[in-house]
Amino acid sequence: MWVHPCSKGVRPSPFNRLAPPMGLWTLLEGFMLIPNALTILNEDRFLSPRGWSFEEYSGVKRNSFNGKILGLIYAAQYLRVILILLNTLFIVIKLVSG
């Protein structure tokens, strides 16, 4: 039979209270950070000075690794309204559940 450690007089570690175990909801919140980060990248301020503009990666370069990443950035920016709705849903659920 399992007995809780506190019942034996053993003090629990204070670090267990600081870092609760990661669950599925925390993992989903973490994955929502990736499209949020890709959406805020501005082509004129950030991507073009580094040579990542959409015009430079047309044709054959589009199938390269950098071309795929650039396509992912543009897809995240294109789906900005859906991302705003998902963020709102996450915030409402977090407010309701505590």
N, C-alpha and C. Protein backbone atom coordinates (compact mmCIF):
# COMPACT_ATOMS: atom_id res chain seq x y z
N MET A 1 0.83 -1.17 0.00
CA MET A 1 0.00 0.00 0.00
C MET A 1 0.88 1.24 0.00
N TRP A 2 0.53 2.20 -0.85
CA TRP A 2 1.32 3.41 -0.96
C TRP A 2 0.96 4.38 0.16
N VAL A 3 1.98 4.97 0.77
CA VAL A 3 1.78 5.93 1.84
C VAL A 3 2.42 7.23 1.43
N HIS A 4 1.70 8.34 1.61
CA HIS A 4 2.22 9.65 1.26
C HIS A 4 3.44 9.95 2.11
N PRO A 5 4.51 10.54 1.53
CA PRO A 5 5.74 10.80 2.28
C PRO A 5 5.54 11.74 3.46
N CYS A 6 4.59 12.64 3.40
CA CYS A 6 4.38 13.58 4.51
C CYS A 6 3.84 12.87 5.75
N SER A 7 3.17 11.75 5.55
CA SER A 7 2.62 11.04 6.71
C SER A 7 3.71 10.35 7.51
N LYS A 8 4.88 10.14 6.93
CA LYS A 8 6.00 9.51 7.63
C LYS A 8 6.89 10.54 8.32
N GLY A 9 6.58 11.79 8.17
CA GLY A 9 7.41 12.83 8.77
C GLY A 9 8.48 13.35 7.84
N VAL A 10 8.50 12.92 6.59
CA VAL A 10 9.47 13.39 5.61
C VAL A 10 8.91 14.65 4.95
N ARG A 11 9.73 15.69 4.95
CA ARG A 11 9.27 16.95 4.35
C ARG A 11 9.41 16.88 2.84
N PRO A 12 8.39 17.33 2.10
CA PRO A 12 8.50 17.34 0.64
C PRO A 12 9.47 18.42 0.17
N SER A 13 10.03 18.21 -0.98
CA SER A 13 10.97 19.18 -1.55
C SER A 13 10.22 20.46 -1.93
N PRO A 14 10.80 21.64 -1.67
CA PRO A 14 10.13 22.89 -2.05
C PRO A 14 10.09 23.09 -3.56
N PHE A 15 10.93 22.36 -4.30
CA PHE A 15 10.96 22.53 -5.75
C PHE A 15 9.75 21.89 -6.42
N ASN A 16 9.11 20.93 -5.78
CA ASN A 16 7.93 20.30 -6.36
C ASN A 16 6.78 21.29 -6.46
N ARG A 17 6.70 22.25 -5.55
CA ARG A 17 5.62 23.24 -5.60
C ARG A 17 5.89 24.31 -6.65
N LEU A 18 7.16 24.56 -6.95
CA LEU A 18 7.50 25.62 -7.90
C LEU A 18 7.29 25.18 -9.35
N ALA A 19 7.54 23.94 -9.65
CA ALA A 19 7.43 23.46 -11.04
C ALA A 19 6.46 22.29 -11.10
N PRO A 20 5.19 22.57 -11.35
CA PRO A 20 4.24 21.46 -11.49
C PRO A 20 4.55 20.66 -12.74
N PRO A 21 4.12 19.41 -12.77
CA PRO A 21 4.42 18.59 -13.96
C PRO A 21 3.75 19.15 -15.21
N MET A 22 4.43 19.00 -16.33
CA MET A 22 3.90 19.52 -17.59
C MET A 22 2.84 18.57 -18.12
N GLY A 23 1.70 19.12 -18.46
CA GLY A 23 0.62 18.32 -19.00
C GLY A 23 0.38 18.65 -20.46
N LEU A 24 -0.68 18.09 -20.99
CA LEU A 24 -1.01 18.29 -22.39
C LEU A 24 -1.35 19.76 -22.66
N TRP A 25 -2.04 20.41 -21.75
CA TRP A 25 -2.42 21.80 -21.96
C TRP A 25 -1.19 22.71 -22.02
N THR A 26 -0.22 22.47 -21.15
CA THR A 26 1.01 23.25 -21.16
C THR A 26 1.79 23.03 -22.45
N LEU A 27 1.78 21.81 -22.94
CA LEU A 27 2.44 21.50 -24.20
C LEU A 27 1.77 22.22 -25.37
N LEU A 28 0.43 22.25 -25.39
CA LEU A 28 -0.29 22.98 -26.43
C LEU A 28 -0.01 24.48 -26.36
N GLU A 29 0.06 25.03 -25.15
CA GLU A 29 0.40 26.45 -25.01
C GLU A 29 1.79 26.74 -25.54
N GLY A 30 2.71 25.83 -25.30
CA GLY A 30 4.06 26.00 -25.82
C GLY A 30 4.12 25.96 -27.33
N PHE A 31 3.34 25.06 -27.92
CA PHE A 31 3.31 24.98 -29.38
C PHE A 31 2.63 26.18 -30.01
N MET A 32 1.77 26.86 -29.27
CA MET A 32 1.13 28.07 -29.80
C MET A 32 2.12 29.24 -29.88
N LEU A 33 3.21 29.16 -29.15
CA LEU A 33 4.21 30.22 -29.20
C LEU A 33 4.94 30.26 -30.54
N ILE A 34 5.08 29.12 -31.20
CA ILE A 34 5.82 29.06 -32.46
C ILE A 34 5.11 29.85 -33.57
N PRO A 35 3.82 29.60 -33.85
CA PRO A 35 3.18 30.43 -34.89
C PRO A 35 3.05 31.90 -34.48
N ASN A 36 2.94 32.16 -33.18
CA ASN A 36 2.91 33.56 -32.74
C ASN A 36 4.23 34.25 -33.05
N ALA A 37 5.33 33.55 -32.84
CA ALA A 37 6.64 34.14 -33.13
C ALA A 37 6.84 34.34 -34.63
N LEU A 38 6.35 33.40 -35.44
CA LEU A 38 6.50 33.53 -36.89
C LEU A 38 5.62 34.63 -37.46
N THR A 39 4.49 34.88 -36.83
CA THR A 39 3.55 35.87 -37.34
C THR A 39 4.06 37.29 -37.17
N ILE A 40 4.81 37.55 -36.12
CA ILE A 40 5.23 38.93 -35.87
C ILE A 40 6.47 39.33 -36.66
N LEU A 41 7.07 38.40 -37.41
CA LEU A 41 8.24 38.76 -38.22
C LEU A 41 7.80 39.63 -39.39
N ASN A 42 8.36 40.80 -39.48
CA ASN A 42 8.03 41.74 -40.54
C ASN A 42 9.03 41.58 -41.69
N GLU A 43 8.52 41.51 -42.92
CA GLU A 43 9.41 41.30 -44.07
C GLU A 43 10.32 42.51 -44.29
N ASP A 44 9.79 43.71 -44.20
CA ASP A 44 10.60 44.90 -44.49
C ASP A 44 11.67 45.14 -43.42
N ARG A 45 11.35 44.91 -42.18
CA ARG A 45 12.30 45.21 -41.09
C ARG A 45 13.24 44.07 -40.77
N PHE A 46 12.76 42.84 -40.87
CA PHE A 46 13.56 41.71 -40.39
C PHE A 46 14.02 40.77 -41.50
N LEU A 47 13.12 40.39 -42.39
CA LEU A 47 13.45 39.34 -43.36
C LEU A 47 14.27 39.86 -44.54
N SER A 48 13.91 40.97 -45.14
CA SER A 48 14.62 41.49 -46.32
C SER A 48 16.07 41.86 -46.04
N PRO A 49 16.40 42.53 -44.93
CA PRO A 49 17.82 42.82 -44.69
C PRO A 49 18.69 41.58 -44.55
N ARG A 50 18.12 40.46 -44.21
CA ARG A 50 18.88 39.22 -44.06
C ARG A 50 18.83 38.34 -45.31
N GLY A 51 18.20 38.85 -46.37
CA GLY A 51 18.13 38.10 -47.62
C GLY A 51 17.06 37.04 -47.64
N TRP A 52 16.00 37.21 -46.83
CA TRP A 52 14.93 36.23 -46.75
C TRP A 52 13.64 36.76 -47.33
N SER A 53 13.70 37.59 -48.34
CA SER A 53 12.47 38.10 -48.93
C SER A 53 11.86 37.03 -49.83
N PHE A 54 10.57 37.16 -50.07
CA PHE A 54 9.85 36.14 -50.83
C PHE A 54 10.27 36.13 -52.30
N GLU A 55 10.68 37.29 -52.84
CA GLU A 55 11.10 37.36 -54.23
C GLU A 55 12.40 36.60 -54.47
N GLU A 56 13.28 36.57 -53.46
CA GLU A 56 14.57 35.89 -53.63
C GLU A 56 14.43 34.37 -53.62
N TYR A 57 13.37 33.86 -53.02
CA TYR A 57 13.18 32.41 -52.91
C TYR A 57 12.04 31.94 -53.80
N SER A 58 12.07 32.33 -55.04
CA SER A 58 11.08 31.84 -55.99
C SER A 58 11.75 30.86 -56.93
N GLY A 59 10.98 29.99 -57.52
CA GLY A 59 11.52 29.02 -58.48
C GLY A 59 12.19 27.85 -57.79
N VAL A 60 13.43 27.57 -58.16
CA VAL A 60 14.15 26.40 -57.66
C VAL A 60 14.50 26.54 -56.19
N LYS A 61 14.80 27.76 -55.74
CA LYS A 61 15.18 27.97 -54.34
C LYS A 61 14.04 27.70 -53.37
N ARG A 62 12.81 27.68 -53.87
CA ARG A 62 11.66 27.48 -53.01
C ARG A 62 11.67 26.11 -52.34
N ASN A 63 12.31 25.12 -52.96
CA ASN A 63 12.35 23.77 -52.41
C ASN A 63 13.52 23.56 -51.46
N SER A 64 14.35 24.56 -51.25
CA SER A 64 15.45 24.43 -50.30
C SER A 64 14.91 24.55 -48.88
N PHE A 65 15.78 24.29 -47.91
CA PHE A 65 15.37 24.37 -46.50
C PHE A 65 14.96 25.80 -46.14
N ASN A 66 15.75 26.78 -46.56
CA ASN A 66 15.40 28.18 -46.28
C ASN A 66 14.10 28.59 -46.97
N GLY A 67 13.88 28.07 -48.17
CA GLY A 67 12.63 28.35 -48.87
C GLY A 67 11.43 27.77 -48.15
N LYS A 68 11.59 26.57 -47.57
CA LYS A 68 10.50 25.96 -46.81
C LYS A 68 10.20 26.75 -45.53
N ILE A 69 11.25 27.21 -44.85
CA ILE A 69 11.06 28.01 -43.64
C ILE A 69 10.37 29.33 -43.99
N LEU A 70 10.78 29.94 -45.08
CA LEU A 70 10.15 31.18 -45.52
C LEU A 70 8.69 30.97 -45.87
N GLY A 71 8.37 29.84 -46.50
CA GLY A 71 6.98 29.52 -46.80
C GLY A 71 6.17 29.32 -45.53
N LEU A 72 6.78 28.73 -44.50
CA LEU A 72 6.11 28.56 -43.21
C LEU A 72 5.84 29.91 -42.55
N ILE A 73 6.78 30.83 -42.66
CA ILE A 73 6.59 32.18 -42.10
C ILE A 73 5.44 32.89 -42.80
N TYR A 74 5.40 32.79 -44.12
CA TYR A 74 4.32 33.45 -44.86
C TYR A 74 2.97 32.78 -44.61
N ALA A 75 2.96 31.47 -44.40
CA ALA A 75 1.70 30.79 -44.09
C ALA A 75 1.18 31.22 -42.73
N ALA A 76 2.08 31.38 -41.76
CA ALA A 76 1.66 31.84 -40.43
C ALA A 76 1.13 33.27 -40.50
N GLN A 77 1.74 34.11 -41.32
CA GLN A 77 1.26 35.48 -41.45
C GLN A 77 -0.07 35.53 -42.21
N TYR A 78 -0.28 34.63 -43.13
CA TYR A 78 -1.52 34.59 -43.89
C TYR A 78 -2.70 34.15 -43.02
N LEU A 79 -2.44 33.26 -42.07
CA LEU A 79 -3.48 32.74 -41.19
C LEU A 79 -3.56 33.51 -39.87
N ARG A 80 -3.26 34.79 -39.92
CA ARG A 80 -3.21 35.62 -38.73
C ARG A 80 -4.56 35.69 -38.00
N VAL A 81 -5.66 35.76 -38.74
CA VAL A 81 -6.98 35.87 -38.11
C VAL A 81 -7.32 34.60 -37.34
N ILE A 82 -7.01 33.44 -37.91
CA ILE A 82 -7.24 32.18 -37.21
C ILE A 82 -6.37 32.09 -35.97
N LEU A 83 -5.15 32.58 -36.06
CA LEU A 83 -4.25 32.57 -34.91
C LEU A 83 -4.76 33.48 -33.80
N ILE A 84 -5.33 34.62 -34.16
CA ILE A 84 -5.91 35.51 -33.15
C ILE A 84 -7.08 34.82 -32.45
N LEU A 85 -7.91 34.12 -33.21
CA LEU A 85 -9.03 33.40 -32.61
C LEU A 85 -8.55 32.28 -31.68
N LEU A 86 -7.52 31.55 -32.10
CA LEU A 86 -6.97 30.50 -31.24
C LEU A 86 -6.36 31.07 -29.96
N ASN A 87 -5.65 32.18 -30.07
CA ASN A 87 -5.09 32.82 -28.89
C ASN A 87 -6.19 33.28 -27.94
N THR A 88 -7.27 33.84 -28.49
CA THR A 88 -8.40 34.26 -27.67
C THR A 88 -9.02 33.07 -26.96
N LEU A 89 -9.17 31.96 -27.68
CA LEU A 89 -9.72 30.74 -27.08
C LEU A 89 -8.83 30.24 -25.94
N PHE A 90 -7.53 30.24 -26.16
CA PHE A 90 -6.60 29.81 -25.12
C PHE A 90 -6.68 30.71 -23.89
N ILE A 91 -6.80 32.01 -24.10
CA ILE A 91 -6.88 32.94 -22.98
C ILE A 91 -8.18 32.74 -22.20
N VAL A 92 -9.28 32.56 -22.90
CA VAL A 92 -10.58 32.37 -22.23
C VAL A 92 -10.55 31.05 -21.42
N ILE A 93 -10.04 29.99 -22.01
CA ILE A 93 -9.96 28.72 -21.29
C ILE A 93 -9.05 28.83 -20.08
N LYS A 94 -7.96 29.55 -20.22
CA LYS A 94 -7.03 29.73 -19.10
C LYS A 94 -7.67 30.56 -17.98
N LEU A 95 -8.45 31.57 -18.35
CA LEU A 95 -9.15 32.37 -17.34
C LEU A 95 -10.23 31.57 -16.62
N VAL A 96 -10.93 30.72 -17.34
CA VAL A 96 -12.00 29.93 -16.73
C VAL A 96 -11.45 28.83 -15.85
N SER A 97 -10.39 28.16 -16.33
CA SER A 97 -9.86 27.01 -15.58
C SER A 97 -8.93 27.43 -14.46
N GLY A 98 -8.42 28.63 -14.52
CA GLY A 98 -7.55 29.09 -13.44
C GLY A 98 -6.15 28.88 -13.78
